[in-house]
Amino acid sequence: MSTEKKEIFDRVEKMLQTQGFTIAAKDETRPWGGFFVIDETQAQDFANQYFDGIDVENLRIGGKLSPKILIVAPEARLSWQYHHRRAEIWQVVEGTVGIKRSNTDEEGELAEYNPKDQVKLQQGERHRLIGLAGWGIVAEIWQHTDASNPSDEDDIVRVQDDFGR
């Protein structure tokens, strides 16, 4: 792992701990960056911190919300993807990121998002998070759309992926 990547992961981990969050999981091995998963019981605190206090009870389609912090490296792209069992809400925390969206397999136009900008992605909507000039940090909440079969990391349909996944 590059020194720069290690430094940003360490900084974000310290920030989350200072904010009182329990990190349930961490993955810094993704080729595009990685993520932190926050304890599910802290979903409202997470929403208060990163989503201007949005009421998580209104988001609970299928129970869990799976709060996460995504870290995307400069010039890196997550896969062009969609999900069968979740919608997502993203809010930029730090940096400027690019996001492409579309309701078809054809990628939409690149739009730039800055800190405090929020994006609501519908179930089945194609999307791609893209690192631009610097590191991007994005808060994410999943809205599980099937209570009997909550979404997980396997609920990713990759239409295109720079890393051959």
N, C-alpha and C. Protein backbone atom coordinates (compact mmCIF):
# COMPACT_ATOMS: atom_id res chain seq x y z
N MET A 1 0.86 -1.18 0.00
CA MET A 1 0.00 0.00 0.00
C MET A 1 0.90 1.23 0.00
N SER A 2 0.53 2.20 -0.81
CA SER A 2 1.33 3.42 -0.87
C SER A 2 1.26 4.17 0.45
N THR A 3 2.29 4.96 0.71
CA THR A 3 2.32 5.77 1.92
C THR A 3 1.14 6.73 1.96
N GLU A 4 0.83 7.32 0.81
CA GLU A 4 -0.29 8.27 0.74
C GLU A 4 -1.61 7.59 1.10
N LYS A 5 -1.84 6.39 0.55
CA LYS A 5 -3.08 5.66 0.83
C LYS A 5 -3.14 5.30 2.32
N LYS A 6 -2.04 4.83 2.88
CA LYS A 6 -2.01 4.48 4.30
C LYS A 6 -2.31 5.71 5.15
N GLU A 7 -1.74 6.85 4.79
CA GLU A 7 -1.98 8.08 5.57
C GLU A 7 -3.44 8.49 5.54
N ILE A 8 -4.08 8.40 4.38
CA ILE A 8 -5.48 8.82 4.32
C ILE A 8 -6.38 7.84 5.07
N PHE A 9 -6.09 6.54 4.98
CA PHE A 9 -6.88 5.57 5.74
C PHE A 9 -6.69 5.77 7.24
N ASP A 10 -5.46 6.00 7.67
CA ASP A 10 -5.21 6.25 9.09
C ASP A 10 -5.93 7.51 9.56
N ARG A 11 -5.91 8.55 8.74
CA ARG A 11 -6.57 9.82 9.11
C ARG A 11 -8.08 9.65 9.22
N VAL A 12 -8.67 8.95 8.25
CA VAL A 12 -10.12 8.74 8.28
C VAL A 12 -10.50 7.84 9.46
N GLU A 13 -9.69 6.82 9.74
CA GLU A 13 -9.99 5.95 10.88
C GLU A 13 -9.96 6.74 12.19
N LYS A 14 -8.96 7.59 12.35
CA LYS A 14 -8.89 8.43 13.56
C LYS A 14 -10.08 9.38 13.63
N MET A 15 -10.47 9.97 12.50
CA MET A 15 -11.62 10.88 12.45
C MET A 15 -12.88 10.16 12.91
N LEU A 16 -13.12 8.95 12.39
CA LEU A 16 -14.31 8.19 12.75
C LEU A 16 -14.30 7.84 14.23
N GLN A 17 -13.14 7.43 14.75
CA GLN A 17 -13.04 7.10 16.17
C GLN A 17 -13.28 8.33 17.04
N THR A 18 -12.73 9.48 16.63
CA THR A 18 -12.93 10.73 17.37
C THR A 18 -14.41 11.11 17.39
N GLN A 19 -15.12 10.80 16.31
CA GLN A 19 -16.55 11.10 16.21
C GLN A 19 -17.39 10.08 16.99
N GLY A 20 -16.74 9.08 17.57
CA GLY A 20 -17.44 8.10 18.40
C GLY A 20 -17.98 6.90 17.65
N PHE A 21 -17.57 6.71 16.40
CA PHE A 21 -18.09 5.59 15.63
C PHE A 21 -17.28 4.32 15.89
N THR A 22 -17.99 3.19 15.89
CA THR A 22 -17.37 1.88 15.97
C THR A 22 -17.22 1.36 14.54
N ILE A 23 -16.00 1.05 14.17
CA ILE A 23 -15.73 0.54 12.83
C ILE A 23 -15.95 -0.97 12.85
N ALA A 24 -16.98 -1.42 12.13
CA ALA A 24 -17.33 -2.84 12.11
C ALA A 24 -16.43 -3.62 11.14
N ALA A 25 -15.97 -2.96 10.09
CA ALA A 25 -15.09 -3.60 9.10
C ALA A 25 -14.34 -2.51 8.35
N LYS A 26 -13.19 -2.91 7.82
CA LYS A 26 -12.38 -1.98 7.03
C LYS A 26 -11.78 -2.78 5.89
N ASP A 27 -11.74 -2.18 4.70
CA ASP A 27 -11.11 -2.82 3.55
C ASP A 27 -10.29 -1.76 2.82
N GLU A 28 -8.98 -1.85 2.96
CA GLU A 28 -8.10 -0.90 2.28
C GLU A 28 -7.36 -1.57 1.13
N THR A 29 -7.89 -2.73 0.69
CA THR A 29 -7.22 -3.49 -0.37
C THR A 29 -7.86 -3.31 -1.74
N ARG A 30 -8.94 -2.56 -1.83
CA ARG A 30 -9.60 -2.39 -3.13
C ARG A 30 -8.68 -1.63 -4.08
N PRO A 31 -8.65 -2.02 -5.35
CA PRO A 31 -7.74 -1.34 -6.28
C PRO A 31 -8.08 0.14 -6.48
N TRP A 32 -9.30 0.52 -6.18
CA TRP A 32 -9.74 1.92 -6.33
C TRP A 32 -9.64 2.70 -5.02
N GLY A 33 -9.30 2.05 -3.93
CA GLY A 33 -9.24 2.70 -2.62
C GLY A 33 -9.70 1.75 -1.55
N GLY A 34 -10.91 1.99 -1.01
CA GLY A 34 -11.44 1.08 0.00
C GLY A 34 -12.55 1.73 0.80
N PHE A 35 -12.88 1.11 1.95
CA PHE A 35 -14.00 1.63 2.72
C PHE A 35 -13.93 1.21 4.18
N PHE A 36 -14.71 1.91 4.99
CA PHE A 36 -14.95 1.58 6.39
C PHE A 36 -16.45 1.31 6.53
N VAL A 37 -16.81 0.25 7.23
CA VAL A 37 -18.21 -0.03 7.56
C VAL A 37 -18.41 0.36 9.02
N ILE A 38 -19.46 1.13 9.28
CA ILE A 38 -19.77 1.60 10.62
C ILE A 38 -20.81 0.68 11.24
N ASP A 39 -20.72 0.48 12.56
CA ASP A 39 -21.68 -0.35 13.29
C ASP A 39 -23.11 0.08 12.96
N GLU A 40 -23.93 -0.90 12.60
CA GLU A 40 -25.31 -0.65 12.18
C GLU A 40 -26.11 0.13 13.23
N THR A 41 -25.83 -0.12 14.51
CA THR A 41 -26.59 0.55 15.58
C THR A 41 -26.31 2.05 15.62
N GLN A 42 -25.29 2.49 14.92
CA GLN A 42 -24.93 3.91 14.90
C GLN A 42 -25.42 4.61 13.63
N ALA A 43 -26.37 3.99 12.93
CA ALA A 43 -26.84 4.55 11.65
C ALA A 43 -27.39 5.97 11.82
N GLN A 44 -28.17 6.23 12.88
CA GLN A 44 -28.71 7.58 13.04
C GLN A 44 -27.61 8.58 13.37
N ASP A 45 -26.66 8.18 14.23
CA ASP A 45 -25.52 9.06 14.54
C ASP A 45 -24.74 9.36 13.26
N PHE A 46 -24.56 8.34 12.43
CA PHE A 46 -23.85 8.49 11.15
C PHE A 46 -24.60 9.48 10.25
N ALA A 47 -25.92 9.31 10.18
CA ALA A 47 -26.75 10.22 9.38
C ALA A 47 -26.69 11.64 9.93
N ASN A 48 -26.67 11.78 11.24
CA ASN A 48 -26.56 13.11 11.85
C ASN A 48 -25.24 13.77 11.47
N GLN A 49 -24.17 12.98 11.47
CA GLN A 49 -22.84 13.50 11.19
C GLN A 49 -22.65 13.82 9.71
N TYR A 50 -23.11 12.93 8.84
CA TYR A 50 -22.75 13.03 7.43
C TYR A 50 -23.89 13.36 6.48
N PHE A 51 -25.14 13.27 6.95
CA PHE A 51 -26.28 13.50 6.06
C PHE A 51 -27.24 14.53 6.64
N ASP A 52 -26.69 15.51 7.34
CA ASP A 52 -27.50 16.61 7.88
C ASP A 52 -28.70 16.14 8.68
N GLY A 53 -28.54 15.03 9.40
CA GLY A 53 -29.59 14.58 10.31
C GLY A 53 -30.78 13.92 9.66
N ILE A 54 -30.65 13.46 8.42
CA ILE A 54 -31.75 12.77 7.76
C ILE A 54 -32.25 11.65 8.69
N ASP A 55 -33.55 11.49 8.81
CA ASP A 55 -34.14 10.50 9.71
C ASP A 55 -34.00 9.12 9.10
N VAL A 56 -33.16 8.29 9.70
CA VAL A 56 -32.89 6.98 9.11
C VAL A 56 -34.12 6.08 9.14
N GLU A 57 -35.06 6.32 10.05
CA GLU A 57 -36.27 5.49 10.08
C GLU A 57 -37.04 5.62 8.77
N ASN A 58 -36.98 6.80 8.16
CA ASN A 58 -37.66 7.00 6.87
C ASN A 58 -36.94 6.31 5.72
N LEU A 59 -35.70 5.89 5.95
CA LEU A 59 -34.92 5.23 4.90
C LEU A 59 -35.02 3.71 4.99
N ARG A 60 -35.49 3.20 6.11
CA ARG A 60 -35.47 1.76 6.34
C ARG A 60 -36.51 1.03 5.50
N ILE A 61 -36.13 0.70 4.30
CA ILE A 61 -37.03 -0.07 3.44
C ILE A 61 -37.03 -1.52 3.92
N GLY A 62 -35.83 -2.06 4.09
CA GLY A 62 -35.69 -3.47 4.45
C GLY A 62 -34.83 -3.68 5.68
N GLY A 63 -34.87 -2.76 6.63
CA GLY A 63 -34.16 -2.98 7.89
C GLY A 63 -32.84 -2.26 7.97
N LYS A 64 -31.75 -2.97 7.68
CA LYS A 64 -30.42 -2.42 7.87
C LYS A 64 -30.13 -1.26 6.90
N LEU A 65 -29.14 -0.44 7.27
CA LEU A 65 -28.74 0.70 6.43
C LEU A 65 -27.27 0.64 6.02
N SER A 66 -26.48 -0.17 6.68
CA SER A 66 -25.09 -0.40 6.30
C SER A 66 -24.32 0.89 6.05
N PRO A 67 -24.17 1.75 7.06
CA PRO A 67 -23.41 2.99 6.86
C PRO A 67 -21.94 2.71 6.55
N LYS A 68 -21.41 3.45 5.58
CA LYS A 68 -20.03 3.25 5.13
C LYS A 68 -19.38 4.59 4.81
N ILE A 69 -18.07 4.59 4.86
CA ILE A 69 -17.26 5.67 4.31
C ILE A 69 -16.44 5.06 3.17
N LEU A 70 -16.62 5.59 1.97
CA LEU A 70 -15.85 5.15 0.81
C LEU A 70 -14.67 6.09 0.61
N ILE A 71 -13.53 5.54 0.28
CA ILE A 71 -12.35 6.34 -0.04
C ILE A 71 -11.91 5.95 -1.44
N VAL A 72 -11.95 6.94 -2.35
CA VAL A 72 -11.60 6.66 -3.74
C VAL A 72 -10.32 7.41 -4.11
N ALA A 73 -9.40 6.68 -4.70
CA ALA A 73 -8.08 7.22 -5.05
C ALA A 73 -8.18 8.16 -6.25
N PRO A 74 -7.22 9.07 -6.36
CA PRO A 74 -7.18 9.96 -7.53
C PRO A 74 -7.13 9.15 -8.82
N GLU A 75 -7.94 9.56 -9.79
CA GLU A 75 -7.97 8.96 -11.12
C GLU A 75 -8.43 7.51 -11.14
N ALA A 76 -8.97 6.99 -10.01
CA ALA A 76 -9.46 5.60 -9.97
C ALA A 76 -10.97 5.59 -10.18
N ARG A 77 -11.45 4.49 -10.77
CA ARG A 77 -12.89 4.37 -11.03
C ARG A 77 -13.41 3.06 -10.42
N LEU A 78 -14.49 3.15 -9.67
CA LEU A 78 -15.18 1.95 -9.27
C LEU A 78 -15.87 1.39 -10.49
N SER A 79 -16.34 0.17 -10.40
CA SER A 79 -16.98 -0.43 -11.57
C SER A 79 -18.27 0.31 -11.93
N TRP A 80 -18.63 0.23 -13.20
CA TRP A 80 -19.93 0.72 -13.69
C TRP A 80 -20.88 -0.39 -13.29
N GLN A 81 -21.79 -0.11 -12.34
CA GLN A 81 -22.50 -1.17 -11.65
C GLN A 81 -23.91 -0.77 -11.28
N TYR A 82 -24.66 -1.77 -10.84
CA TYR A 82 -25.97 -1.53 -10.24
C TYR A 82 -26.28 -2.67 -9.27
N HIS A 83 -27.40 -2.54 -8.57
CA HIS A 83 -27.76 -3.50 -7.52
C HIS A 83 -29.22 -3.91 -7.66
N HIS A 84 -29.50 -5.19 -7.37
CA HIS A 84 -30.87 -5.70 -7.41
C HIS A 84 -31.61 -5.46 -6.09
N ARG A 85 -30.86 -5.36 -4.96
CA ARG A 85 -31.52 -5.36 -3.66
C ARG A 85 -31.19 -4.13 -2.81
N ARG A 86 -30.76 -3.05 -3.44
CA ARG A 86 -30.53 -1.85 -2.65
C ARG A 86 -30.55 -0.59 -3.50
N ALA A 87 -30.93 0.49 -2.83
CA ALA A 87 -30.74 1.85 -3.32
C ALA A 87 -29.64 2.43 -2.43
N GLU A 88 -29.03 3.52 -2.84
CA GLU A 88 -27.93 4.10 -2.05
C GLU A 88 -28.08 5.61 -2.00
N ILE A 89 -27.59 6.17 -0.90
CA ILE A 89 -27.46 7.62 -0.79
C ILE A 89 -25.99 7.90 -0.51
N TRP A 90 -25.41 8.80 -1.29
CA TRP A 90 -24.02 9.20 -1.10
C TRP A 90 -23.97 10.67 -0.75
N GLN A 91 -23.06 11.03 0.14
CA GLN A 91 -22.79 12.44 0.39
C GLN A 91 -21.28 12.63 0.44
N VAL A 92 -20.79 13.58 -0.34
CA VAL A 92 -19.35 13.83 -0.39
C VAL A 92 -18.92 14.48 0.93
N VAL A 93 -17.88 13.91 1.52
CA VAL A 93 -17.34 14.41 2.79
C VAL A 93 -16.13 15.29 2.52
N GLU A 94 -15.22 14.82 1.68
CA GLU A 94 -13.98 15.55 1.37
C GLU A 94 -13.61 15.33 -0.08
N GLY A 95 -13.01 16.34 -0.66
CA GLY A 95 -12.52 16.24 -2.02
C GLY A 95 -13.64 16.43 -3.03
N THR A 96 -13.25 16.42 -4.28
CA THR A 96 -14.21 16.48 -5.38
C THR A 96 -14.17 15.14 -6.08
N VAL A 97 -15.35 14.55 -6.32
CA VAL A 97 -15.42 13.26 -6.98
C VAL A 97 -16.28 13.38 -8.23
N GLY A 98 -16.12 12.43 -9.12
CA GLY A 98 -16.98 12.35 -10.28
C GLY A 98 -17.96 11.21 -10.10
N ILE A 99 -19.16 11.40 -10.61
CA ILE A 99 -20.15 10.34 -10.58
C ILE A 99 -20.83 10.29 -11.94
N LYS A 100 -20.92 9.07 -12.47
CA LYS A 100 -21.69 8.84 -13.69
C LYS A 100 -22.91 8.03 -13.29
N ARG A 101 -24.06 8.36 -13.92
CA ARG A 101 -25.31 7.67 -13.62
C ARG A 101 -26.09 7.45 -14.92
N SER A 102 -26.87 6.38 -14.94
CA SER A 102 -27.72 6.11 -16.10
C SER A 102 -28.73 5.03 -15.73
N ASN A 103 -29.85 5.01 -16.42
CA ASN A 103 -30.82 3.93 -16.24
C ASN A 103 -30.61 2.80 -17.24
N THR A 104 -29.56 2.93 -18.08
CA THR A 104 -29.22 1.88 -19.04
C THR A 104 -27.76 1.49 -18.84
N ASP A 105 -27.29 0.52 -19.59
CA ASP A 105 -25.89 0.10 -19.48
C ASP A 105 -24.93 1.11 -20.08
N GLU A 106 -25.44 2.09 -20.80
CA GLU A 106 -24.58 3.13 -21.38
C GLU A 106 -24.29 4.18 -20.31
N GLU A 107 -22.99 4.47 -20.11
CA GLU A 107 -22.61 5.42 -19.06
C GLU A 107 -23.13 6.82 -19.34
N GLY A 108 -23.62 7.45 -18.29
CA GLY A 108 -24.07 8.83 -18.39
C GLY A 108 -22.89 9.79 -18.36
N GLU A 109 -23.21 11.07 -18.43
CA GLU A 109 -22.18 12.11 -18.40
C GLU A 109 -21.54 12.18 -17.02
N LEU A 110 -20.27 12.54 -16.99
CA LEU A 110 -19.56 12.74 -15.73
C LEU A 110 -20.05 14.04 -15.08
N ALA A 111 -20.45 13.95 -13.85
CA ALA A 111 -20.83 15.13 -13.07
C ALA A 111 -19.89 15.22 -11.87
N GLU A 112 -19.46 16.42 -11.55
CA GLU A 112 -18.58 16.62 -10.40
C GLU A 112 -19.40 16.96 -9.17
N TYR A 113 -18.98 16.39 -8.04
CA TYR A 113 -19.65 16.62 -6.76
C TYR A 113 -18.61 17.05 -5.73
N ASN A 114 -19.01 18.00 -4.88
CA ASN A 114 -18.12 18.59 -3.88
C ASN A 114 -18.66 18.29 -2.48
N PRO A 115 -17.86 18.58 -1.44
CA PRO A 115 -18.32 18.33 -0.08
C PRO A 115 -19.72 18.90 0.17
N LYS A 116 -20.54 18.08 0.83
CA LYS A 116 -21.94 18.35 1.18
C LYS A 116 -22.91 18.03 0.06
N ASP A 117 -22.42 17.78 -1.17
CA ASP A 117 -23.31 17.38 -2.26
C ASP A 117 -23.81 15.96 -1.99
N GLN A 118 -25.10 15.73 -2.26
CA GLN A 118 -25.73 14.44 -1.99
C GLN A 118 -26.33 13.86 -3.27
N VAL A 119 -26.23 12.55 -3.40
CA VAL A 119 -26.75 11.84 -4.56
C VAL A 119 -27.59 10.67 -4.06
N LYS A 120 -28.80 10.53 -4.61
CA LYS A 120 -29.65 9.39 -4.29
C LYS A 120 -29.73 8.50 -5.51
N LEU A 121 -29.25 7.27 -5.35
CA LEU A 121 -29.22 6.29 -6.44
C LEU A 121 -30.34 5.28 -6.22
N GLN A 122 -31.16 5.08 -7.23
CA GLN A 122 -32.28 4.15 -7.12
C GLN A 122 -31.81 2.71 -7.34
N GLN A 123 -32.59 1.77 -6.82
CA GLN A 123 -32.33 0.35 -7.08
C GLN A 123 -32.31 0.15 -8.59
N GLY A 124 -31.27 -0.51 -9.08
CA GLY A 124 -31.16 -0.79 -10.51
C GLY A 124 -30.51 0.32 -11.33
N GLU A 125 -30.35 1.50 -10.76
CA GLU A 125 -29.72 2.61 -11.49
C GLU A 125 -28.22 2.34 -11.62
N ARG A 126 -27.70 2.45 -12.84
CA ARG A 126 -26.27 2.26 -13.05
C ARG A 126 -25.53 3.46 -12.50
N HIS A 127 -24.35 3.20 -11.91
CA HIS A 127 -23.58 4.29 -11.32
C HIS A 127 -22.10 3.92 -11.22
N ARG A 128 -21.29 4.97 -11.15
CA ARG A 128 -19.84 4.79 -11.02
C ARG A 128 -19.30 5.98 -10.27
N LEU A 129 -18.55 5.71 -9.21
CA LEU A 129 -17.84 6.73 -8.44
C LEU A 129 -16.42 6.81 -8.99
N ILE A 130 -15.95 8.05 -9.20
CA ILE A 130 -14.66 8.26 -9.85
C ILE A 130 -13.83 9.25 -9.04
N GLY A 131 -12.59 8.87 -8.76
CA GLY A 131 -11.66 9.81 -8.15
C GLY A 131 -11.16 10.77 -9.20
N LEU A 132 -11.08 12.03 -8.86
CA LEU A 132 -10.61 13.03 -9.83
C LEU A 132 -9.16 13.39 -9.49
N ALA A 133 -8.86 14.64 -9.25
CA ALA A 133 -7.47 15.06 -9.05
C ALA A 133 -6.90 14.58 -7.71
N GLY A 134 -7.74 14.52 -6.68
CA GLY A 134 -7.26 14.12 -5.35
C GLY A 134 -8.10 12.99 -4.79
N TRP A 135 -7.82 12.60 -3.55
CA TRP A 135 -8.58 11.57 -2.87
C TRP A 135 -9.98 12.09 -2.59
N GLY A 136 -10.97 11.23 -2.74
CA GLY A 136 -12.35 11.57 -2.42
C GLY A 136 -12.85 10.71 -1.27
N ILE A 137 -13.60 11.33 -0.37
CA ILE A 137 -14.19 10.61 0.75
C ILE A 137 -15.70 10.82 0.67
N VAL A 138 -16.44 9.71 0.64
CA VAL A 138 -17.88 9.76 0.43
C VAL A 138 -18.57 8.91 1.50
N ALA A 139 -19.56 9.49 2.17
CA ALA A 139 -20.39 8.73 3.11
C ALA A 139 -21.49 8.05 2.30
N GLU A 140 -21.82 6.82 2.70
CA GLU A 140 -22.81 6.03 1.97
C GLU A 140 -23.76 5.35 2.95
N ILE A 141 -25.04 5.36 2.60
CA ILE A 141 -26.04 4.57 3.33
C ILE A 141 -26.77 3.72 2.30
N TRP A 142 -26.86 2.42 2.60
CA TRP A 142 -27.62 1.52 1.74
C TRP A 142 -29.05 1.49 2.22
N GLN A 143 -29.98 1.47 1.28
CA GLN A 143 -31.38 1.21 1.58
C GLN A 143 -31.69 -0.17 1.02
N HIS A 144 -31.76 -1.15 1.90
CA HIS A 144 -32.04 -2.52 1.47
C HIS A 144 -33.50 -2.59 1.02
N THR A 145 -33.71 -3.05 -0.20
CA THR A 145 -35.06 -3.04 -0.78
C THR A 145 -35.77 -4.39 -0.65
N ASP A 146 -35.07 -5.40 -0.14
CA ASP A 146 -35.68 -6.71 0.05
C ASP A 146 -35.38 -7.16 1.48
N ALA A 147 -36.36 -6.98 2.38
CA ALA A 147 -36.14 -7.25 3.80
C ALA A 147 -35.76 -8.71 4.05
N SER A 148 -36.25 -9.63 3.23
CA SER A 148 -35.97 -11.04 3.46
C SER A 148 -34.61 -11.46 2.89
N ASN A 149 -34.01 -10.60 2.07
CA ASN A 149 -32.72 -10.91 1.46
C ASN A 149 -31.92 -9.61 1.34
N PRO A 150 -31.39 -9.10 2.48
CA PRO A 150 -30.69 -7.81 2.44
C PRO A 150 -29.50 -7.83 1.48
N SER A 151 -29.20 -6.68 0.94
CA SER A 151 -28.08 -6.54 0.02
C SER A 151 -26.76 -6.79 0.75
N ASP A 152 -25.75 -7.17 0.00
CA ASP A 152 -24.40 -7.34 0.53
C ASP A 152 -23.42 -7.07 -0.61
N GLU A 153 -22.16 -7.33 -0.36
CA GLU A 153 -21.14 -7.05 -1.38
C GLU A 153 -21.32 -7.92 -2.63
N ASP A 154 -22.08 -9.03 -2.52
CA ASP A 154 -22.34 -9.88 -3.68
C ASP A 154 -23.44 -9.31 -4.58
N ASP A 155 -24.15 -8.29 -4.08
CA ASP A 155 -25.24 -7.68 -4.85
C ASP A 155 -24.69 -6.54 -5.70
N ILE A 156 -23.67 -6.86 -6.46
CA ILE A 156 -23.07 -5.89 -7.38
C ILE A 156 -23.09 -6.52 -8.76
N VAL A 157 -23.80 -5.90 -9.68
CA VAL A 157 -23.78 -6.34 -11.07
C VAL A 157 -22.84 -5.37 -11.79
N ARG A 158 -21.68 -5.87 -12.20
CA ARG A 158 -20.69 -5.03 -12.87
C ARG A 158 -20.92 -5.07 -14.37
N VAL A 159 -21.25 -3.91 -14.93
CA VAL A 159 -21.43 -3.79 -16.37
C VAL A 159 -20.06 -3.62 -17.03
N GLN A 160 -19.18 -2.86 -16.36
CA GLN A 160 -17.80 -2.65 -16.83
C GLN A 160 -16.93 -2.44 -15.61
N ASP A 161 -15.70 -2.96 -15.65
CA ASP A 161 -14.80 -2.83 -14.51
C ASP A 161 -13.35 -2.73 -15.00
N ASP A 162 -12.68 -1.67 -14.55
CA ASP A 162 -11.29 -1.46 -14.96
C ASP A 162 -10.35 -2.54 -14.44
N PHE A 163 -10.79 -3.30 -13.44
CA PHE A 163 -9.91 -4.26 -12.77
C PHE A 163 -10.27 -5.71 -13.09
N GLY A 164 -11.10 -5.93 -14.10
CA GLY A 164 -11.40 -7.26 -14.57
C GLY A 164 -12.20 -8.11 -13.58
N ARG A 165 -12.94 -7.46 -12.69
CA ARG A 165 -13.73 -8.26 -11.73
C ARG A 165 -15.08 -8.60 -12.33
